[in-house]
Amino acid sequence: ALVSIAVLSLGAFLTLRVTMRRSLALMDRDNQRLESLLKVSGSLARAEHAGMAALSTAVCALDLASARAAWVLVRGEPGQPPLVLDSAGRDAGKLWEALGAPLLELAKLATSTGRPALQGPTGVETIRFTAAAAPIAGEADAQGALVVVRTQPAEPFDETEQGALATLAGLAAVALRNADLQ
């Protein structure tokens, strides 16, 4: 009986230890996301033009989402697709060439609904990817979208990542409006 109590106690201790480590790792990642958002908010507040705001947003999105590439899209002329204002990520150009069509559709979905949109994991050509788009709010409707892509591994975006991207898109909306006023 004493041995079985000891085994159960050891099992409970090890389970608690694993749970605590997971919780601490999640809290650490959330704190890193918050730190990234605080840093980029200062950078966005100082952005003198839309290009600076877009680049700061795309670079921060890479970190927030552990993404391979990020793009800031703005609304084009009526009837035209959104335009890439800026991007970040070593392979952003190559990935846009290969994945531009599905990413534009994802951006359109986010801007038309005013809510984040997700895609994947899926594949186009030889690229397996997961993508997320967060709308960049405008005065009446969305003025664009923040789009991020993961490849290798193409893991889905969790709720905290989606929330962080939506917050970043909100900060970008303010920065882009402010840049237009300057």
Protein backbone atom coordinates (compact mmCIF):
# COMPACT_ATOMS: atom_id res chain seq x y z
CA ALA A 1 0.00 0.00 0.00
CA LEU A 2 2.83 2.37 0.85
CA VAL A 3 4.53 1.68 -2.48
CA SER A 4 1.34 2.38 -4.43
CA ILE A 5 0.88 5.70 -2.57
CA ALA A 6 4.47 6.62 -3.40
CA VAL A 7 3.98 5.73 -7.07
CA LEU A 8 0.75 7.75 -7.23
CA SER A 9 2.42 10.70 -5.50
CA LEU A 10 5.35 10.58 -7.92
CA GLY A 11 2.96 10.37 -10.87
CA ALA A 12 0.95 13.35 -9.60
CA PHE A 13 4.17 15.33 -9.03
CA LEU A 14 5.45 14.63 -12.56
CA THR A 15 2.09 15.51 -14.11
CA LEU A 16 1.97 18.76 -12.15
CA ARG A 17 5.53 19.55 -13.20
CA VAL A 18 4.73 19.06 -16.90
CA THR A 19 1.58 21.16 -16.58
CA MET A 20 3.46 23.97 -14.84
CA ARG A 21 6.20 23.97 -17.49
CA ARG A 22 3.62 24.20 -20.27
CA SER A 23 1.81 27.01 -18.48
CA LEU A 24 5.04 28.92 -17.91
CA ALA A 25 6.06 28.47 -21.56
CA LEU A 26 2.68 29.84 -22.71
CA MET A 27 2.92 32.78 -20.32
CA ASP A 28 6.45 33.50 -21.55
CA ARG A 29 5.31 33.49 -25.20
CA ASP A 30 2.35 35.76 -24.34
CA ASN A 31 4.71 38.15 -22.55
CA GLN A 32 7.00 38.17 -25.60
CA ARG A 33 4.02 39.02 -27.83
CA LEU A 34 3.01 41.83 -25.50
CA GLU A 35 6.56 43.16 -25.51
CA SER A 36 6.61 43.09 -29.32
CA LEU A 37 3.30 44.95 -29.48
CA LEU A 38 4.53 47.60 -27.04
CA LYS A 39 7.74 48.11 -29.03
CA VAL A 40 5.97 48.38 -32.37
CA SER A 41 3.36 50.79 -30.97
CA GLY A 42 6.16 53.30 -30.34
CA SER A 43 7.59 52.74 -33.80
CA LEU A 44 4.16 53.14 -35.40
CA ALA A 45 3.50 56.32 -33.42
CA ARG A 46 6.67 57.81 -34.92
CA ALA A 47 6.00 56.63 -38.50
CA GLU A 48 6.16 59.65 -40.79
CA HIS A 49 4.68 57.93 -43.83
CA ALA A 50 2.61 54.89 -44.69
CA GLY A 51 5.63 52.92 -45.90
CA MET A 52 7.33 53.18 -42.50
CA ALA A 53 4.15 52.10 -40.75
CA ALA A 54 3.64 49.18 -43.12
CA LEU A 55 7.22 47.92 -42.78
CA SER A 56 7.13 48.14 -38.97
CA THR A 57 3.83 46.26 -38.98
CA ALA A 58 5.08 43.50 -41.29
CA VAL A 59 8.31 43.00 -39.32
CA CYS A 60 6.43 42.79 -36.03
CA ALA A 61 3.92 40.35 -37.54
CA LEU A 62 6.76 37.94 -38.36
CA ASP A 63 7.69 37.80 -34.70
CA LEU A 64 4.16 37.70 -33.31
CA ALA A 65 3.09 34.81 -35.49
CA SER A 66 6.40 32.97 -35.89
CA ALA A 67 5.75 33.47 -39.58
CA ARG A 68 7.96 33.11 -42.63
CA ALA A 69 6.56 36.17 -44.39
CA ALA A 70 4.14 39.02 -43.76
CA TRP A 71 2.48 41.58 -46.01
CA VAL A 72 0.51 44.75 -45.39
CA LEU A 73 -2.13 45.16 -48.09
CA VAL A 74 -4.18 48.28 -48.72
CA ARG A 75 -7.38 48.68 -50.63
CA GLY A 76 -6.87 49.28 -54.35
CA GLU A 77 -9.06 51.19 -56.75
CA PRO A 78 -12.70 50.02 -56.90
CA GLY A 79 -12.87 46.66 -58.64
CA GLN A 80 -9.11 46.13 -58.26
CA PRO A 81 -7.36 43.75 -55.86
CA PRO A 82 -5.62 45.08 -52.76
CA LEU A 83 -2.07 46.38 -53.23
CA VAL A 84 0.99 45.25 -51.30
CA LEU A 85 2.17 48.31 -49.36
CA ASP A 86 5.15 46.50 -47.81
CA SER A 87 6.34 43.07 -46.73
CA ALA A 88 8.84 41.37 -44.45
CA GLY A 89 10.53 38.01 -44.44
CA ARG A 90 13.44 36.67 -46.38
CA ASP A 91 11.21 34.79 -48.85
CA ALA A 92 8.29 37.25 -48.99
CA GLY A 93 8.72 37.98 -52.71
CA LYS A 94 9.00 34.33 -53.71
CA LEU A 95 6.12 33.32 -51.50
CA TRP A 96 3.91 36.11 -52.87
CA GLU A 97 4.62 34.93 -56.43
CA ALA A 98 3.60 31.38 -55.53
CA LEU A 99 0.77 32.11 -53.08
CA GLY A 100 -0.49 35.54 -54.14
CA ALA A 101 -3.91 34.40 -55.37
CA PRO A 102 -5.00 32.50 -52.22
CA LEU A 103 -3.49 35.19 -50.00
CA LEU A 104 -5.44 37.90 -51.84
CA GLU A 105 -8.64 35.88 -51.36
CA LEU A 106 -7.87 35.55 -47.65
CA ALA A 107 -7.22 39.31 -47.40
CA LYS A 108 -10.50 40.03 -49.22
CA LEU A 109 -12.35 37.78 -46.78
CA ALA A 110 -10.83 39.56 -43.78
CA THR A 111 -11.57 43.02 -45.18
CA SER A 112 -15.11 42.18 -46.25
CA THR A 113 -16.09 40.62 -42.91
CA GLY A 114 -13.99 42.88 -40.69
CA ARG A 115 -12.76 39.78 -38.83
CA PRO A 116 -9.55 37.73 -38.97
CA ALA A 117 -9.52 34.96 -41.55
CA LEU A 118 -7.51 31.72 -41.53
CA GLN A 119 -6.41 29.27 -44.20
CA GLY A 120 -4.68 25.95 -44.06
CA PRO A 121 -2.75 23.97 -43.60
CA THR A 122 -2.97 23.54 -47.36
CA GLY A 123 -0.66 23.43 -50.34
CA VAL A 124 -0.13 25.34 -53.56
CA GLU A 125 2.40 24.02 -56.05
CA THR A 126 5.06 22.48 -53.81
CA ILE A 127 4.54 24.82 -50.84
CA ARG A 128 2.62 23.63 -47.80
CA PHE A 129 1.43 26.64 -45.80
CA THR A 130 -0.90 28.12 -43.24
CA ALA A 131 -2.02 31.75 -43.52
CA ALA A 132 -3.83 34.30 -41.41
CA ALA A 133 -5.21 37.72 -42.33
CA ALA A 134 -6.37 40.46 -39.98
CA PRO A 135 -8.33 43.45 -41.28
CA ILE A 136 -6.79 46.91 -41.01
CA ALA A 137 -9.76 49.08 -40.09
CA GLY A 138 -10.63 52.21 -42.01
CA GLU A 139 -13.16 54.94 -41.30
CA ALA A 140 -16.21 53.12 -42.66
CA ASP A 141 -14.81 49.71 -43.57
CA ALA A 142 -11.47 47.92 -43.72
CA GLN A 143 -8.74 49.80 -45.57
CA GLY A 144 -6.55 46.73 -45.93
CA ALA A 145 -5.25 43.58 -44.31
CA LEU A 146 -2.23 42.21 -42.52
CA VAL A 147 -1.39 38.78 -43.97
CA VAL A 148 1.10 36.28 -42.54
CA VAL A 149 2.24 32.87 -43.79
CA ARG A 150 3.87 29.92 -42.11
CA THR A 151 5.65 27.13 -43.93
CA GLN A 152 7.72 24.20 -42.67
CA PRO A 153 5.90 23.42 -40.43
CA ALA A 154 2.62 24.89 -41.55
CA GLU A 155 1.02 24.84 -38.10
CA PRO A 156 -2.36 26.52 -37.55
CA PHE A 157 -2.48 29.89 -35.76
CA ASP A 158 -3.77 29.67 -32.21
CA GLU A 159 -6.21 32.12 -30.62
CA THR A 160 -3.52 34.19 -28.89
CA GLU A 161 -1.63 34.60 -32.17
CA GLN A 162 -4.83 35.62 -33.95
CA GLY A 163 -5.57 38.12 -31.18
CA ALA A 164 -2.04 39.55 -31.34
CA LEU A 165 -2.30 39.93 -35.13
CA ALA A 166 -5.69 41.64 -34.79
CA THR A 167 -4.22 44.03 -32.20
CA LEU A 168 -1.26 44.75 -34.48
CA ALA A 169 -3.62 45.40 -37.39
CA GLY A 170 -5.53 47.86 -35.20
CA LEU A 171 -2.31 49.68 -34.32
CA ALA A 172 -1.39 49.73 -38.01
CA ALA A 173 -4.76 51.24 -38.91
CA VAL A 174 -4.15 54.18 -36.58
CA ALA A 175 -0.56 54.62 -37.82
CA LEU A 176 -1.64 54.56 -41.47
CA ARG A 177 -4.37 57.14 -40.80
CA ASN A 178 -1.90 59.34 -38.93
CA ALA A 179 0.66 59.00 -41.74
CA ASP A 180 -1.97 60.09 -44.27
CA LEU A 181 -2.66 63.20 -42.18
CA GLN A 182 1.02 64.23 -42.05
